[in-house]
C-alpha cells in the first residue's frame, strides 16, 4: 500500500469533519443544559423570595388591620333600660319575683309597694 503524503483524502476529510461536528454538538448541548439548569434554579429562587415577601406583606396587613380595629373599636352600647311591663306580661309571675326580692332583703316595704303598684296600675 502506498501512503500519500500531503492533504488528506476525501474520506479522511469527511471523518475529521464528523468528529469536529460531533464534538461541537456535544459541547454545545452540555452548555445549553447547564445554562437551562442555572436559569431554572434562579427562577425557582426568585419565586421563593417573592412568595416570602407576599406572605410578609399579608401578615403586616393583617397586623395593621387588627391594630386599627383595636384602636377604633366602638364603645360598648349602654345596657337597655328595663322596659315597662307589656300588656301580655304574666302579672302573677312578676309579683312572685317581687315577693322573692322582698324576702331576700333586696327590696324594702316601700320599694315593694311601689313596684307592685306600678305592675298592677
Protein backbone atom coordinates (compact mmCIF):
# COMPACT_ATOMS: atom_id res chain seq x y z
CA UNK A 1 0.00 0.00 0.00
CA UNK A 2 1.24 3.36 -0.86
CA UNK A 3 0.85 6.08 1.58
CA UNK A 4 0.14 9.56 0.36
CA UNK A 5 1.88 12.50 1.87
CA UNK A 6 0.16 15.87 1.94
CA UNK A 7 -3.52 16.68 2.15
CA UNK A 8 -5.90 14.02 3.42
CA UNK A 9 -8.24 12.30 1.07
CA UNK A 10 -11.98 12.74 0.81
CA UNK A 11 -12.79 10.04 3.38
CA UNK A 12 -10.26 11.41 5.87
CA UNK A 13 -11.65 14.91 5.45
CA UNK A 14 -15.21 13.67 5.99
CA UNK A 15 -14.19 11.73 9.10
CA UNK A 16 -12.38 14.70 10.57
CA UNK A 17 -15.37 16.95 9.88
CA UNK A 18 -17.71 14.44 11.53
CA UNK A 19 -15.53 14.26 14.64
CA UNK A 20 -15.30 18.05 14.94
CA UNK A 21 -19.04 18.49 14.35
CA UNK A 22 -19.94 15.75 16.86
CA UNK A 23 -17.67 17.23 19.49
CA UNK A 24 -19.07 20.72 18.93
CA UNK A 25 -22.63 19.38 19.13
CA UNK A 26 -21.94 17.52 22.39
CA UNK A 27 -20.22 20.52 23.96
CA UNK A 28 -22.94 22.97 22.91
CA UNK A 29 -25.66 20.59 24.17
CA UNK A 30 -23.92 20.32 27.55
CA UNK A 31 -23.51 24.07 27.75
CA UNK A 32 -27.18 24.62 26.87
CA UNK A 33 -28.35 22.11 29.51
CA UNK A 34 -26.11 23.74 32.10
CA UNK A 35 -27.47 27.20 31.26
CA UNK A 36 -31.03 25.90 31.39
CA UNK A 37 -30.45 24.33 34.83
CA UNK A 38 -28.95 27.58 36.11
CA UNK A 39 -31.86 29.62 34.73
CA UNK A 40 -34.40 27.24 36.28
CA UNK A 41 -32.65 27.38 39.64
CA UNK A 42 -32.58 31.17 39.54
CA UNK A 43 -36.28 31.29 38.58
CA UNK A 44 -37.22 28.99 41.47
CA UNK A 45 -35.19 31.10 43.90
CA UNK A 46 -36.91 34.29 42.70
CA UNK A 47 -40.33 32.64 43.06
CA UNK A 48 -39.49 31.55 46.61
CA UNK A 49 -38.36 35.05 47.56
CA UNK A 50 -41.49 36.56 46.01
CA UNK A 51 -43.68 34.15 47.99
CA UNK A 52 -41.83 35.06 51.20
CA UNK A 53 -42.31 38.77 50.52
CA UNK A 54 -46.00 38.24 49.75
CA UNK A 55 -46.50 36.31 53.00
CA UNK A 56 -44.71 39.03 54.97
CA UNK A 57 -46.85 41.74 53.36
CA UNK A 58 -50.06 39.83 54.09
CA UNK A 59 -49.02 39.33 57.72
CA UNK A 60 -48.16 43.03 58.08
CA UNK A 61 -51.51 44.00 56.57
CA UNK A 62 -53.38 41.66 58.91
CA UNK A 63 -51.48 43.09 61.89
CA UNK A 64 -52.28 46.65 60.80
CA UNK A 65 -55.96 45.85 60.40
CA UNK A 66 -56.09 44.18 63.81
CA UNK A 67 -54.30 47.11 65.42
CA UNK A 68 -56.62 49.64 63.78
CA UNK A 69 -59.67 47.66 64.84
CA UNK A 70 -58.38 47.58 68.40
CA UNK A 71 -57.98 51.38 68.43
CA UNK A 72 -61.19 52.13 66.56
CA UNK A 73 -63.42 49.68 68.39
CA UNK A 74 -66.74 51.38 69.09
CA UNK A 75 -67.64 51.75 72.75
CA UNK A 76 -69.98 49.13 74.10
CA UNK A 77 -73.61 50.18 73.78
CA UNK A 78 -75.23 51.09 77.09
CA UNK A 79 -77.40 48.46 78.68
CA UNK A 80 -81.03 48.93 77.74
CA UNK A 81 -83.23 50.38 80.45
CA UNK A 82 -85.81 48.00 81.81
CA UNK A 83 -88.94 48.42 79.77
CA UNK A 84 -92.33 48.96 81.25
CA UNK A 85 -94.29 45.76 81.50
CA UNK A 86 -96.24 45.00 78.37
CA UNK A 87 -99.89 44.13 78.29
CA UNK A 88 -99.09 40.44 77.81
CA UNK A 89 -96.83 40.16 80.91
CA UNK A 90 -97.70 37.46 83.42
CA UNK A 91 -98.64 39.63 86.40
CA UNK A 92 -98.62 36.72 88.84
CA UNK A 93 -95.08 35.71 87.89
CA UNK A 94 -93.88 39.31 88.24
CA UNK A 95 -95.50 39.61 91.67
CA UNK A 96 -93.81 36.38 92.74
CA UNK A 97 -90.43 37.76 91.62
CA UNK A 98 -91.02 40.96 93.58
CA UNK A 99 -92.01 38.94 96.66
CA UNK A 100 -88.85 36.85 96.35
CA UNK A 101 -86.74 40.03 96.11
CA UNK A 102 -88.50 41.43 99.19
CA UNK A 103 -87.95 38.17 101.11
CA UNK A 104 -84.25 38.18 100.11
CA UNK A 105 -83.90 41.69 101.53
CA UNK A 106 -83.19 43.34 98.20
CA UNK A 107 -86.39 45.42 98.34
CA UNK A 108 -87.81 47.12 101.42
CA UNK A 109 -91.56 47.51 102.06
CA UNK A 110 -91.83 50.90 100.35
CA UNK A 111 -89.97 49.73 97.22
CA UNK A 112 -92.05 46.57 97.07
CA UNK A 113 -95.27 48.55 97.31
CA UNK A 114 -94.16 50.99 94.60
CA UNK A 115 -93.17 48.19 92.23
CA UNK A 116 -96.41 46.34 92.94
CA UNK A 117 -98.47 49.45 92.27
CA UNK A 118 -96.60 50.07 89.02
CA UNK A 119 -97.16 46.48 87.94
CA UNK A 120 -100.86 46.46 88.81
CA UNK A 121 -101.62 50.03 87.80
